Amino acid sequence: MSGMWLALAALNGLLAVAAGAYAAHGLEAEAANWMDTGSRYQMWHALAILLALSLRRDDRPERLTTVAIVAYLLGILLFSCTLYAMALGFRGLSSLAPVGGLSFMVGWASLGLYGLRRSKA
C-alpha cells in the first residue's frame, strides 16, 4: 500500500510544479495568484505525505499516519483543486476551499498526535 501513497505523493508534486508553471506563464494576476497558492499548498502537502510515509513501519503502518495521508490528499483535492478551478473561471466551487483547509489541519493534527504517542512509547 505504501507504494500507492508514494506514487500519489509524486503525482501531486508533479502537478504542483505544472500548476505553478502555468500560473507564472499563462494567467493574469488574480488567477495566477490563485494558481500559485494552490500549487504551493499542493507541493507542501505532497512533501507532508512523504514525511508521513517515512514514519510508517512496513510491518505495521500506524493508523494516524494513514489518517494524515488521506487528510492531506483530501485537502489537496478540495483546497488546491478548488483554487485551480477558480483560476480557470469556475467560481461556483469556492465554498469547498475552507473544507480543504480543514482537511490539511486534520492531517497535521493526526501527525502531531502520532508524534505524541511515539514520544510516550
PDB file of N, CA and C in Angstrom:
ATOM      1  N   MET A   1       0.820  -1.200   0.000  1.00  0.00           N
ATOM      2  CA  MET A   1       0.000   0.000   0.000  1.00  0.00           C
ATOM      3  C   MET A   1       0.858   1.257   0.000  1.00  0.00           C
ATOM      4  N   SER A   2       2.017   1.249   0.649  1.00  0.00           N
ATOM      5  CA  SER A   2       2.818   2.463   0.704  1.00  0.00           C
ATOM      6  C   SER A   2       3.333   2.860  -0.675  1.00  0.00           C
ATOM      7  N   GLY A   3       3.485   1.900  -1.590  1.00  0.00           N
ATOM      8  CA  GLY A   3       3.878   2.245  -2.955  1.00  0.00           C
ATOM      9  C   GLY A   3       2.843   3.124  -3.629  1.00  0.00           C
ATOM     10  N   MET A   4       1.565   2.850  -3.379  1.00  0.00           N
ATOM     11  CA  MET A   4       0.491   3.677  -3.931  1.00  0.00           C
ATOM     12  C   MET A   4       0.552   5.085  -3.350  1.00  0.00           C
ATOM     13  N   TRP A   5       0.763   5.188  -2.021  1.00  0.00           N
ATOM     14  CA  TRP A   5       0.854   6.501  -1.386  1.00  0.00           C
ATOM     15  C   TRP A   5       2.042   7.280  -1.951  1.00  0.00           C
ATOM     16  N   LEU A   6       3.171   6.598  -2.137  1.00  0.00           N
ATOM     17  CA  LEU A   6       4.362   7.244  -2.703  1.00  0.00           C
ATOM     18  C   LEU A   6       4.066   7.753  -4.108  1.00  0.00           C
ATOM     19  N   ALA A   7       3.398   6.944  -4.903  1.00  0.00           N
ATOM     20  CA  ALA A   7       3.044   7.363  -6.264  1.00  0.00           C
ATOM     21  C   ALA A   7       2.115   8.570  -6.237  1.00  0.00           C
ATOM     22  N   LEU A   8       1.164   8.597  -5.312  1.00  0.00           N
ATOM     23  CA  LEU A   8       0.252   9.747  -5.203  1.00  0.00           C
ATOM     24  C   LEU A   8       0.995  11.001  -4.748  1.00  0.00           C
ATOM     25  N   ALA A   9       1.944  10.846  -3.832  1.00  0.00           N
ATOM     26  CA  ALA A   9       2.749  11.996  -3.399  1.00  0.00           C
ATOM     27  C   ALA A   9       3.546  12.549  -4.574  1.00  0.00           C
ATOM     28  N   ALA A  10       4.166  11.658  -5.342  1.00  0.00           N
ATOM     29  CA  ALA A  10       4.945  12.086  -6.506  1.00  0.00           C
ATOM     30  C   ALA A  10       4.058  12.758  -7.554  1.00  0.00           C
ATOM     31  N   LEU A  11       2.889  12.193  -7.801  1.00  0.00           N
ATOM     32  CA  LEU A  11       1.953  12.787  -8.754  1.00  0.00           C
ATOM     33  C   LEU A  11       1.549  14.190  -8.310  1.00  0.00           C
ATOM     34  N   ASN A  12       1.284  14.357  -7.026  1.00  0.00           N
ATOM     35  CA  ASN A  12       0.913  15.679  -6.531  1.00  0.00           C
ATOM     36  C   ASN A  12       2.069  16.664  -6.636  1.00  0.00           C
ATOM     37  N   GLY A  13       3.282  16.219  -6.410  1.00  0.00           N
ATOM     38  CA  GLY A  13       4.440  17.092  -6.609  1.00  0.00           C
ATOM     39  C   GLY A  13       4.545  17.538  -8.058  1.00  0.00           C
ATOM     40  N   LEU A  14       4.383  16.593  -8.976  1.00  0.00           N
ATOM     41  CA  LEU A  14       4.430  16.900 -10.401  1.00  0.00           C
ATOM     42  C   LEU A  14       3.341  17.902 -10.788  1.00  0.00           C
ATOM     43  N   LEU A  15       2.119  17.652 -10.339  1.00  0.00           N
ATOM     44  CA  LEU A  15       1.007  18.547 -10.671  1.00  0.00           C
ATOM     45  C   LEU A  15       1.188  19.932 -10.061  1.00  0.00           C
ATOM     46  N   ALA A  16       1.782  19.994  -8.873  1.00  0.00           N
ATOM     47  CA  ALA A  16       2.039  21.293  -8.239  1.00  0.00           C
ATOM     48  C   ALA A  16       3.025  22.107  -9.065  1.00  0.00           C
ATOM     49  N   VAL A  17       4.062  21.466  -9.570  1.00  0.00           N
ATOM     50  CA  VAL A  17       5.032  22.163 -10.417  1.00  0.00           C
ATOM     51  C   VAL A  17       4.361  22.627 -11.708  1.00  0.00           C
ATOM     52  N   ALA A  18       3.557  21.766 -12.310  1.00  0.00           N
ATOM     53  CA  ALA A  18       2.865  22.135 -13.551  1.00  0.00           C
ATOM     54  C   ALA A  18       1.917  23.312 -13.326  1.00  0.00           C
ATOM     55  N   ALA A  19       1.172  23.286 -12.225  1.00  0.00           N
ATOM     56  CA  ALA A  19       0.241  24.390 -11.929  1.00  0.00           C
ATOM     57  C   ALA A  19       1.000  25.685 -11.675  1.00  0.00           C
ATOM     58  N   GLY A  20       2.112  25.594 -10.956  1.00  0.00           N
ATOM     59  CA  GLY A  20       2.923  26.784 -10.701  1.00  0.00           C
ATOM     60  C   GLY A  20       3.493  27.366 -11.985  1.00  0.00           C
ATOM     61  N   ALA A  21       3.941  26.507 -12.870  1.00  0.00           N
ATOM     62  CA  ALA A  21       4.474  26.982 -14.151  1.00  0.00           C
ATOM     63  C   ALA A  21       3.380  27.631 -14.993  1.00  0.00           C
ATOM     64  N   TYR A  22       2.213  27.011 -15.002  1.00  0.00           N
ATOM     65  CA  TYR A  22       1.095  27.585 -15.752  1.00  0.00           C
ATOM     66  C   TYR A  22       0.718  28.954 -15.181  1.00  0.00           C
ATOM     67  N   ALA A  23       0.704  29.052 -13.863  1.00  0.00           N
ATOM     68  CA  ALA A  23       0.378  30.334 -13.225  1.00  0.00           C
ATOM     69  C   ALA A  23       1.392  31.403 -13.604  1.00  0.00           C
ATOM     70  N   ALA A  24       2.649  31.031 -13.653  1.00  0.00           N
ATOM     71  CA  ALA A  24       3.705  32.007 -13.939  1.00  0.00           C
ATOM     72  C   ALA A  24       3.703  32.469 -15.395  1.00  0.00           C
ATOM     73  N   HIS A  25       3.207  31.619 -16.288  1.00  0.00           N
ATOM     74  CA  HIS A  25       3.346  31.938 -17.708  1.00  0.00           C
ATOM     75  C   HIS A  25       2.049  32.083 -18.485  1.00  0.00           C
ATOM     76  N   GLY A  26       0.911  31.740 -17.877  1.00  0.00           N
ATOM     77  CA  GLY A  26      -0.283  31.718 -18.707  1.00  0.00           C
ATOM     78  C   GLY A  26      -1.497  32.430 -18.163  1.00  0.00           C
ATOM     79  N   LEU A  27      -1.382  33.105 -17.018  1.00  0.00           N
ATOM     80  CA  LEU A  27      -2.589  33.676 -16.423  1.00  0.00           C
ATOM     81  C   LEU A  27      -2.388  35.133 -16.010  1.00  0.00           C
ATOM     82  N   GLU A  28      -3.503  35.823 -15.890  1.00  0.00           N
ATOM     83  CA  GLU A  28      -3.450  37.194 -15.389  1.00  0.00           C
ATOM     84  C   GLU A  28      -3.334  37.186 -13.871  1.00  0.00           C
ATOM     85  N   ALA A  29      -3.112  38.334 -13.274  1.00  0.00           N
ATOM     86  CA  ALA A  29      -2.702  38.467 -11.876  1.00  0.00           C
ATOM     87  C   ALA A  29      -3.564  37.711 -10.872  1.00  0.00           C
ATOM     88  N   GLU A  30      -4.872  37.971 -10.822  1.00  0.00           N
ATOM     89  CA  GLU A  30      -5.709  37.329  -9.802  1.00  0.00           C
ATOM     90  C   GLU A  30      -5.732  35.812  -9.977  1.00  0.00           C
ATOM     91  N   ALA A  31      -5.932  35.358 -11.194  1.00  0.00           N
ATOM     92  CA  ALA A  31      -5.957  33.923 -11.465  1.00  0.00           C
ATOM     93  C   ALA A  31      -4.594  33.296 -11.184  1.00  0.00           C
ATOM     94  N   ALA A  32      -3.523  34.005 -11.517  1.00  0.00           N
ATOM     95  CA  ALA A  32      -2.177  33.497 -11.253  1.00  0.00           C
ATOM     96  C   ALA A  32      -1.937  33.358  -9.759  1.00  0.00           C
ATOM     97  N   ASN A  33      -2.450  34.288  -8.978  1.00  0.00           N
ATOM     98  CA  ASN A  33      -2.306  34.190  -7.518  1.00  0.00           C
ATOM     99  C   ASN A  33      -3.024  32.964  -6.969  1.00  0.00           C
ATOM    100  N   TRP A  34      -4.224  32.692  -7.466  1.00  0.00           N
ATOM    101  CA  TRP A  34      -4.952  31.504  -7.013  1.00  0.00           C
ATOM    102  C   TRP A  34      -4.189  30.227  -7.382  1.00  0.00           C
ATOM    103  N   MET A  35      -3.700  30.186  -8.625  1.00  0.00           N
ATOM    104  CA  MET A  35      -2.938  29.004  -9.056  1.00  0.00           C
ATOM    105  C   MET A  35      -1.667  28.849  -8.231  1.00  0.00           C
ATOM    106  N   ASP A  36      -0.992  29.953  -7.971  1.00  0.00           N
ATOM    107  CA  ASP A  36       0.249  29.907  -7.198  1.00  0.00           C
ATOM    108  C   ASP A  36      -0.014  29.417  -5.773  1.00  0.00           C
ATOM    109  N   THR A  37      -1.062  29.926  -5.160  1.00  0.00           N
ATOM    110  CA  THR A  37      -1.403  29.490  -3.797  1.00  0.00           C
ATOM    111  C   THR A  37      -1.764  28.009  -3.788  1.00  0.00           C
ATOM    112  N   GLY A  38      -2.596  27.590  -4.713  1.00  0.00           N
ATOM    113  CA  GLY A  38      -2.957  26.175  -4.803  1.00  0.00           C
ATOM    114  C   GLY A  38      -1.742  25.302  -5.030  1.00  0.00           C
ATOM    115  N   SER A  39      -0.848  25.752  -5.875  1.00  0.00           N
ATOM    116  CA  SER A  39       0.365  24.999  -6.187  1.00  0.00           C
ATOM    117  C   SER A  39       1.271  24.858  -4.960  1.00  0.00           C
ATOM    118  N   ARG A  40       1.442  25.948  -4.224  1.00  0.00           N
ATOM    119  CA  ARG A  40       2.295  25.890  -3.023  1.00  0.00           C
ATOM    120  C   ARG A  40       1.715  24.939  -1.983  1.00  0.00           C
ATOM    121  N   TYR A  41       0.435  25.049  -1.727  1.00  0.00           N
ATOM    122  CA  TYR A  41      -0.190  24.144  -0.751  1.00  0.00           C
ATOM    123  C   TYR A  41      -0.125  22.692  -1.226  1.00  0.00           C
ATOM    124  N   GLN A  42      -0.313  22.475  -2.512  1.00  0.00           N
ATOM    125  CA  GLN A  42      -0.241  21.113  -3.029  1.00  0.00           C
ATOM    126  C   GLN A  42       1.167  20.551  -2.863  1.00  0.00           C
ATOM    127  N   MET A  43       2.187  21.350  -3.164  1.00  0.00           N
ATOM    128  CA  MET A  43       3.561  20.866  -3.039  1.00  0.00           C
ATOM    129  C   MET A  43       3.910  20.575  -1.585  1.00  0.00           C
ATOM    130  N   TRP A  44       3.573  21.499  -0.683  1.00  0.00           N
ATOM    131  CA  TRP A  44       3.890  21.278   0.731  1.00  0.00           C
ATOM    132  C   TRP A  44       3.220  20.009   1.252  1.00  0.00           C
ATOM    133  N   HIS A  45       2.016  19.758   0.816  1.00  0.00           N
ATOM    134  CA  HIS A  45       1.315  18.587   1.326  1.00  0.00           C
ATOM    135  C   HIS A  45       1.718  17.300   0.605  1.00  0.00           C
ATOM    136  N   ALA A  46       2.227  17.406  -0.617  1.00  0.00           N
ATOM    137  CA  ALA A  46       2.859  16.242  -1.246  1.00  0.00           C
ATOM    138  C   ALA A  46       4.093  15.844  -0.425  1.00  0.00           C
ATOM    139  N   LEU A  47       4.850  16.844   0.018  1.00  0.00           N
ATOM    140  CA  LEU A  47       6.013  16.572   0.870  1.00  0.00           C
ATOM    141  C   LEU A  47       5.588  16.042   2.239  1.00  0.00           C
ATOM    142  N   ALA A  48       4.466  16.550   2.756  1.00  0.00           N
ATOM    143  CA  ALA A  48       3.960  16.049   4.043  1.00  0.00           C
ATOM    144  C   ALA A  48       3.549  14.583   3.926  1.00  0.00           C
ATOM    145  N   ILE A  49       3.017  14.186   2.782  1.00  0.00           N
ATOM    146  CA  ILE A  49       2.687  12.777   2.569  1.00  0.00           C
ATOM    147  C   ILE A  49       3.959  11.939   2.630  1.00  0.00           C
ATOM    148  N   LEU A  50       5.016  12.431   2.001  1.00  0.00           N
ATOM    149  CA  LEU A  50       6.297  11.713   2.066  1.00  0.00           C
ATOM    150  C   LEU A  50       6.803  11.617   3.503  1.00  0.00           C
ATOM    151  N   LEU A  51       6.633  12.693   4.275  1.00  0.00           N
ATOM    152  CA  LEU A  51       7.029  12.661   5.684  1.00  0.00           C
ATOM    153  C   LEU A  51       6.243  11.591   6.427  1.00  0.00           C
ATOM    154  N   ALA A  52       4.932  11.585   6.253  1.00  0.00           N
ATOM    155  CA  ALA A  52       4.098  10.595   6.942  1.00  0.00           C
ATOM    156  C   ALA A  52       4.488   9.176   6.517  1.00  0.00           C
ATOM    157  N   LEU A  53       4.800   9.000   5.245  1.00  0.00           N
ATOM    158  CA  LEU A  53       5.232   7.682   4.766  1.00  0.00           C
ATOM    159  C   LEU A  53       6.549   7.262   5.409  1.00  0.00           C
ATOM    160  N   SER A  54       7.441   8.217   5.593  1.00  0.00           N
ATOM    161  CA  SER A  54       8.747   7.884   6.172  1.00  0.00           C
ATOM    162  C   SER A  54       8.631   7.463   7.629  1.00  0.00           C
ATOM    163  N   LEU A  55       7.556   7.835   8.285  1.00  0.00           N
ATOM    164  CA  LEU A  55       7.355   7.485   9.692  1.00  0.00           C
ATOM    165  C   LEU A  55       6.715   6.109   9.866  1.00  0.00           C
ATOM    166  N   ARG A  56       6.170   5.573   8.810  1.00  0.00           N
ATOM    167  CA  ARG A  56       5.463   4.288   8.893  1.00  0.00           C
ATOM    168  C   ARG A  56       6.440   3.123   8.954  1.00  0.00           C
ATOM    169  N   ARG A  57       6.017   2.092   9.617  1.00  0.00           N
ATOM    170  CA  ARG A  57       6.760   0.832   9.611  1.00  0.00           C
ATOM    171  C   ARG A  57       6.089  -0.083   8.602  1.00  0.00           C
ATOM    172  N   ASP A  58       6.890  -0.732   7.777  1.00  0.00           N
ATOM    173  CA  ASP A  58       6.317  -1.605   6.736  1.00  0.00           C
ATOM    174  C   ASP A  58       5.486  -2.732   7.327  1.00  0.00           C
ATOM    175  N   ASP A  59       5.922  -3.230   8.480  1.00  0.00           N
ATOM    176  CA  ASP A  59       5.213  -4.370   9.048  1.00  0.00           C
ATOM    177  C   ASP A  59       3.891  -3.988   9.708  1.00  0.00           C
ATOM    178  N   ARG A  60       3.768  -2.706  10.132  1.00  0.00           N
ATOM    179  CA  ARG A  60       2.551  -2.285  10.815  1.00  0.00           C
ATOM    180  C   ARG A  60       2.343  -0.774  10.665  1.00  0.00           C
ATOM    181  N   PRO A  61       1.754  -0.354   9.546  1.00  0.00           N
ATOM    182  CA  PRO A  61       1.532   1.080   9.371  1.00  0.00           C
ATOM    183  C   PRO A  61       0.601   1.621  10.461  1.00  0.00           C
ATOM    184  N   GLU A  62       0.947   2.759  10.985  1.00  0.00           N
ATOM    185  CA  GLU A  62       0.155   3.380  12.046  1.00  0.00           C
ATOM    186  C   GLU A  62      -1.100   4.036  11.470  1.00  0.00           C
ATOM    187  N   ARG A  63      -2.193   3.885  12.171  1.00  0.00           N
ATOM    188  CA  ARG A  63      -3.477   4.444  11.718  1.00  0.00           C
ATOM    189  C   ARG A  63      -3.407   5.966  11.583  1.00  0.00           C
ATOM    190  N   LEU A  64      -2.732   6.638  12.523  1.00  0.00           N
ATOM    191  CA  LEU A  64      -2.672   8.099  12.466  1.00  0.00           C
ATOM    192  C   LEU A  64      -1.898   8.603  11.252  1.00  0.00           C
ATOM    193  N   THR A  65      -0.888   7.865  10.799  1.00  0.00           N
ATOM    194  CA  THR A  65      -0.190   8.300   9.589  1.00  0.00           C
ATOM    195  C   THR A  65      -1.081   8.118   8.365  1.00  0.00           C
ATOM    196  N   THR A  66      -1.900   7.074   8.361  1.00  0.00           N
ATOM    197  CA  THR A  66      -2.849   6.875   7.262  1.00  0.00           C
ATOM    198  C   THR A  66      -3.894   7.980   7.260  1.00  0.00           C
ATOM    199  N   VAL A  67      -4.385   8.343   8.437  1.00  0.00           N
ATOM    200  CA  VAL A  67      -5.355   9.446   8.536  1.00  0.00           C
ATOM    201  C   VAL A  67      -4.727  10.730   8.001  1.00  0.00           C
ATOM    202  N   ALA A  68      -3.471  10.985   8.366  1.00  0.00           N
ATOM    203  CA  ALA A  68      -2.787  12.195   7.893  1.00  0.00           C
ATOM    204  C   ALA A  68      -2.675  12.194   6.375  1.00  0.00           C
ATOM    205  N   ILE A  69      -2.254  11.076   5.807  1.00  0.00           N
ATOM    206  CA  ILE A  69      -2.082  10.995   4.355  1.00  0.00           C
ATOM    207  C   ILE A  69      -3.409  11.217   3.634  1.00  0.00           C
ATOM    208  N   VAL A  70      -4.452  10.564   4.092  1.00  0.00           N
ATOM    209  CA  VAL A  70      -5.768  10.718   3.460  1.00  0.00           C
ATOM    210  C   VAL A  70      -6.272  12.157   3.613  1.00  0.00           C
ATOM    211  N   ALA A  71      -6.062  12.743   4.786  1.00  0.00           N
ATOM    212  CA  ALA A  71      -6.487  14.130   5.008  1.00  0.00           C
ATOM    213  C   ALA A  71      -5.721  15.090   4.093  1.00  0.00           C
ATOM    214  N   TYR A  72      -4.425  14.864   3.917  1.00  0.00           N
ATOM    215  CA  TYR A  72      -3.647  15.718   3.011  1.00  0.00           C
ATOM    216  C   TYR A  72      -4.155  15.589   1.575  1.00  0.00           C
ATOM    217  N   LEU A  73      -4.425  14.363   1.132  1.00  0.00           N
ATOM    218  CA  LEU A  73      -4.936  14.171  -0.225  1.00  0.00           C
ATOM    219  C   LEU A  73      -6.304  14.831  -0.408  1.00  0.00           C
ATOM    220  N   LEU A  74      -7.156  14.693   0.593  1.00  0.00           N
ATOM    221  CA  LEU A  74      -8.472  15.342   0.539  1.00  0.00           C
ATOM    222  C   LEU A  74      -8.310  16.861   0.526  1.00  0.00           C
ATOM    223  N   GLY A  75      -7.386  17.374   1.330  1.00  0.00           N
ATOM    224  CA  GLY A  75      -7.122  18.815   1.343  1.00  0.00           C
ATOM    225  C   GLY A  75      -6.640  19.313  -0.003  1.00  0.00           C
ATOM    226  N   ILE A  76      -5.743  18.555  -0.634  1.00  0.00           N
ATOM    227  CA  ILE A  76      -5.270  18.937  -1.969  1.00  0.00           C
ATOM    228  C   ILE A  76      -6.440  18.987  -2.943  1.00  0.00           C
ATOM    229  N   LEU A  77      -7.274  17.973  -2.887  1.00  0.00           N
ATOM    230  CA  LEU A  77      -8.420  17.917  -3.798  1.00  0.00           C
ATOM    231  C   LEU A  77      -9.371  19.093  -3.566  1.00  0.00           C
ATOM    232  N   LEU A  78      -9.702  19.343  -2.303  1.00  0.00           N
ATOM    233  CA  LEU A  78     -10.716  20.363  -2.005  1.00  0.00           C
ATOM    234  C   LEU A  78     -10.163  21.781  -1.964  1.00  0.00           C
ATOM    235  N   PHE A  79      -8.911  21.958  -1.568  1.00  0.00           N
ATOM    236  CA  PHE A  79      -8.351  23.308  -1.488  1.00  0.00           C
ATOM    237  C   PHE A  79      -7.644  23.683  -2.783  1.00  0.00           C
ATOM    238  N   SER A  80      -6.578  22.959  -3.096  1.00  0.00           N
ATOM    239  CA  SER A  80      -5.785  23.327  -4.267  1.00  0.00           C
ATOM    240  C   SER A  80      -6.599  23.234  -5.558  1.00  0.00           C
ATOM    241  N   CYS A  81      -7.318  22.143  -5.731  1.00  0.00           N
ATOM    242  CA  CYS A  81      -8.086  21.985  -6.968  1.00  0.00           C
ATOM    243  C   CYS A  81      -9.213  23.008  -7.082  1.00  0.00           C
ATOM    244  N   THR A  82      -9.771  23.425  -5.945  1.00  0.00           N
ATOM    245  CA  THR A  82     -10.780  24.492  -5.975  1.00  0.00           C
ATOM    246  C   THR A  82     -10.161  25.798  -6.448  1.00  0.00           C
ATOM    247  N   LEU A  83      -8.956  26.112  -5.958  1.00  0.00           N
ATOM    248  CA  LEU A  83      -8.289  27.337  -6.408  1.00  0.00           C
ATOM    249  C   LEU A  83      -7.940  27.257  -7.891  1.00  0.00           C
ATOM    250  N   TYR A  84      -7.525  26.070  -8.351  1.00  0.00           N
ATOM    251  CA  TYR A  84      -7.246  25.902  -9.777  1.00  0.00           C
ATOM    252  C   TYR A  84      -8.519  26.137 -10.596  1.00  0.00           C
ATOM    253  N   ALA A  85      -9.630  25.572 -10.142  1.00  0.00           N
ATOM    254  CA  ALA A  85     -10.901  25.750 -10.858  1.00  0.00           C
ATOM    255  C   ALA A  85     -11.304  27.222 -10.885  1.00  0.00           C
ATOM    256  N   MET A  86     -11.120  27.909  -9.765  1.00  0.00           N
ATOM    257  CA  MET A  86     -11.445  29.334  -9.721  1.00  0.00           C
ATOM    258  C   MET A  86     -10.585  30.119 -10.707  1.00  0.00           C
ATOM    259  N   ALA A  87      -9.306  29.771 -10.775  1.00  0.00           N
ATOM    260  CA  ALA A  87      -8.404  30.463 -11.692  1.00  0.00           C
ATOM    261  C   ALA A  87      -8.805  30.249 -13.144  1.00  0.00           C
ATOM    262  N   LEU A  88      -9.433  29.121 -13.411  1.00  0.00           N
ATOM    263  CA  LEU A  88      -9.865  28.812 -14.774  1.00  0.00           C
ATOM    264  C   LEU A  88     -11.290  29.276 -15.062  1.00  0.00           C
ATOM    265  N   GLY A  89     -11.896  29.995 -14.092  1.00  0.00           N
ATOM    266  CA  GLY A  89     -13.201  30.590 -14.325  1.00  0.00           C
ATOM    267  C   GLY A  89     -14.382  29.897 -13.679  1.00  0.00           C
ATOM    268  N   PHE A  90     -14.143  28.808 -12.974  1.00  0.00           N
ATOM    269  CA  PHE A  90     -15.227  28.089 -12.300  1.00  0.00           C
ATOM    270  C   PHE A  90     -15.299  28.550 -10.849  1.00  0.00           C
ATOM    271  N   ARG A  91     -16.039  29.622 -10.598  1.00  0.00           N
ATOM    272  CA  ARG A  91     -16.058  30.236  -9.269  1.00  0.00           C
ATOM    273  C   ARG A  91     -17.071  29.605  -8.325  1.00  0.00           C
ATOM    274  N   GLY A  92     -17.955  28.778  -8.820  1.00  0.00           N
ATOM    275  CA  GLY A  92     -19.008  28.193  -8.005  1.00  0.00           C
ATOM    276  C   GLY A  92     -18.507  27.202  -6.966  1.00  0.00           C
ATOM    277  N   LEU A  93     -17.276  26.782  -7.093  1.00  0.00           N
ATOM    278  CA  LEU A  93     -16.726  25.790  -6.168  1.00  0.00           C
ATOM    279  C   LEU A  93     -15.994  26.407  -4.973  1.00  0.00           C
ATOM    280  N   SER A  94     -15.965  27.711  -4.893  1.00  0.00           N
ATOM    281  CA  SER A  94     -15.135  28.385  -3.893  1.00  0.00           C
ATOM    282  C   SER A  94     -15.455  27.983  -2.453  1.00  0.00           C
ATOM    283  N   SER A  95     -16.673  27.549  -2.183  1.00  0.00           N
ATOM    284  CA  SER A  95     -17.037  27.172  -0.811  1.00  0.00           C
ATOM    285  C   SER A  95     -16.354  25.879  -0.361  1.00  0.00           C
ATOM    286  N   LEU A  96     -15.755  25.132  -1.283  1.00  0.00           N
ATOM    287  CA  LEU A  96     -15.057  23.899  -0.915  1.00  0.00           C
ATOM    288  C   LEU A  96     -13.659  24.151  -0.358  1.00  0.00           C
ATOM    289  N   ALA A  97     -13.074  25.284  -0.683  1.00  0.00           N
ATOM    290  CA  ALA A  97     -11.697  25.576  -0.256  1.00  0.00           C
ATOM    291  C   ALA A  97     -11.521  25.535   1.270  1.00  0.00           C
ATOM    292  N   PRO A  98     -12.421  26.132   2.060  1.00  0.00           N
ATOM    293  CA  PRO A  98     -12.237  26.050   3.512  1.00  0.00           C
ATOM    294  C   PRO A  98     -12.298  24.620   4.058  1.00  0.00           C
ATOM    295  N   VAL A  99     -13.093  23.769   3.429  1.00  0.00           N
ATOM    296  CA  VAL A  99     -13.159  22.362   3.852  1.00  0.00           C
ATOM    297  C   VAL A  99     -11.808  21.691   3.575  1.00  0.00           C
ATOM    298  N   GLY A 100     -11.204  22.046   2.458  1.00  0.00           N
ATOM    299  CA  GLY A 100      -9.871  21.542   2.146  1.00  0.00           C
ATOM    300  C   GLY A 100      -8.844  22.020   3.156  1.00  0.00           C
ATOM    301  N   GLY A 101      -8.939  23.288   3.553  1.00  0.00           N
ATOM    302  CA  GLY A 101      -8.038  23.809   4.580  1.00  0.00           C
ATOM    303  C   GLY A 101      -8.208  23.070   5.896  1.00  0.00           C
ATOM    304  N   LEU A 102      -9.439  22.764   6.246  1.00  0.00           N
ATOM    305  CA  LEU A 102      -9.709  21.986   7.454  1.00  0.00           C
ATOM    306  C   LEU A 102      -9.110  20.583   7.335  1.00  0.00           C
ATOM    307  N   SER A 103      -9.182  20.000   6.157  1.00  0.00           N
ATOM    308  CA  SER A 103      -8.578  18.678   5.934  1.00  0.00           C
ATOM    309  C   SER A 103      -7.067  18.729   6.145  1.00  0.00           C
ATOM    310  N   PHE A 104      -6.429  19.787   5.663  1.00  0.00           N
ATOM    311  CA  PHE A 104      -4.992  19.937   5.912  1.00  0.00           C
ATOM    312  C   PHE A 104      -4.714  19.973   7.416  1.00  0.00           C
ATOM    313  N   MET A 105      -5.528  20.707   8.154  1.00  0.00           N
ATOM    314  CA  MET A 105      -5.330  20.810   9.609  1.00  0.00           C
ATOM    315  C   MET A 105      -5.539  19.460  10.293  1.00  0.00           C
ATOM    316  N   VAL A 106      -6.518  18.694   9.835  1.00  0.00           N
ATOM    317  CA  VAL A 106      -6.734  17.347  10.386  1.00  0.00           C
ATOM    318  C   VAL A 106      -5.493  16.493  10.153  1.00  0.00           C
ATOM    319  N   GLY A 107      -4.910  16.600   8.973  1.00  0.00           N
ATOM    320  CA  GLY A 107      -3.697  15.852   8.673  1.00  0.00           C
ATOM    321  C   GLY A 107      -2.554  16.214   9.608  1.00  0.00           C
ATOM    322  N   TRP A 108      -2.348  17.503   9.822  1.00  0.00           N
ATOM    323  CA  TRP A 108      -1.267  17.943  10.715  1.00  0.00           C
ATOM    324  C   TRP A 108      -1.555  17.548  12.155  1.00  0.00           C
ATOM    325  N   ALA A 109      -2.809  17.635  12.571  1.00  0.00           N
ATOM    326  CA  ALA A 109      -3.157  17.208  13.935  1.00  0.00           C
ATOM    327  C   ALA A 109      -2.913  15.714  14.101  1.00  0.00           C
ATOM    328  N   SER A 110      -3.245  14.925  13.099  1.00  0.00           N
ATOM    329  CA  SER A 110      -3.012  13.479  13.161  1.00  0.00           C
ATOM    330  C   SER A 110      -1.527  13.170  13.263  1.00  0.00           C
ATOM    331  N   LEU A 111      -0.727  13.886  12.493  1.00  0.00           N
ATOM    332  CA  LEU A 111       0.714  13.670  12.558  1.00  0.00           C
ATOM    333  C   LEU A 111       1.269  14.090  13.918  1.00  0.00           C
ATOM    334  N   GLY A 112       0.735  15.178  14.459  1.00  0.00           N
ATOM    335  CA  GLY A 112       1.140  15.608  15.792  1.00  0.00           C
ATOM    336  C   GLY A 112       0.780  14.589  16.863  1.00  0.00           C
ATOM    337  N   LEU A 113      -0.425  14.047  16.790  1.00  0.00           N
ATOM    338  CA  LEU A 113      -0.831  13.003  17.743  1.00  0.00           C
ATOM    339  C   LEU A 113       0.039  11.764  17.614  1.00  0.00           C
ATOM    340  N   TYR A 114       0.386  11.427  16.385  1.00  0.00           N
ATOM    341  CA  TYR A 114       1.285  10.298  16.157  1.00  0.00           C
ATOM    342  C   TYR A 114       2.623  10.543  16.874  1.00  0.00           C
ATOM    343  N   GLY A 115       3.135  11.758  16.736  1.00  0.00           N
ATOM    344  CA  GLY A 115       4.388  12.106  17.395  1.00  0.00           C
ATOM    345  C   GLY A 115       4.287  12.020  18.912  1.00  0.00           C
ATOM    346  N   LEU A 116       3.181  12.498  19.460  1.00  0.00           N
ATOM    347  CA  LEU A 116       2.989  12.419  20.914  1.00  0.00           C
ATOM    348  C   LEU A 116       2.932  10.966  21.385  1.00  0.00           C
ATOM    349  N   ARG A 117       2.228  10.148  20.657  1.00  0.00           N
ATOM    350  CA  ARG A 117       2.147   8.723  21.022  1.00  0.00           C
ATOM    351  C   ARG A 117       3.511   8.052  20.944  1.00  0.00           C
ATOM    352  N   ARG A 118       4.272   8.407  19.933  1.00  0.00           N
ATOM    353  CA  ARG A 118       5.607   7.825  19.795  1.00  0.00           C
ATOM    354  C   ARG A 118       6.528   8.279  20.926  1.00  0.00           C
ATOM    355  N   SER A 119       6.363   9.519  21.381  1.00  0.00           N
ATOM    356  CA  SER A 119       7.241  10.038  22.429  1.00  0.00           C
ATOM    357  C   SER A 119       6.939   9.372  23.775  1.00  0.00           C
ATOM    358  N   LYS A 120       5.717   8.872  23.949  1.00  0.00           N
ATOM    359  CA  LYS A 120       5.348   8.206  25.201  1.00  0.00           C
ATOM    360  C   LYS A 120       5.718   6.726  25.192  1.00  0.00           C
ATOM    361  N   ALA A 121       5.985   6.183  24.008  1.00  0.00           N
ATOM    362  CA  ALA A 121       6.286   4.734  23.904  1.00  0.00           C
ATOM    363  C   ALA A 121       7.717   4.427  24.283  1.00  0.00           C
TER     364      ALA A 121
END
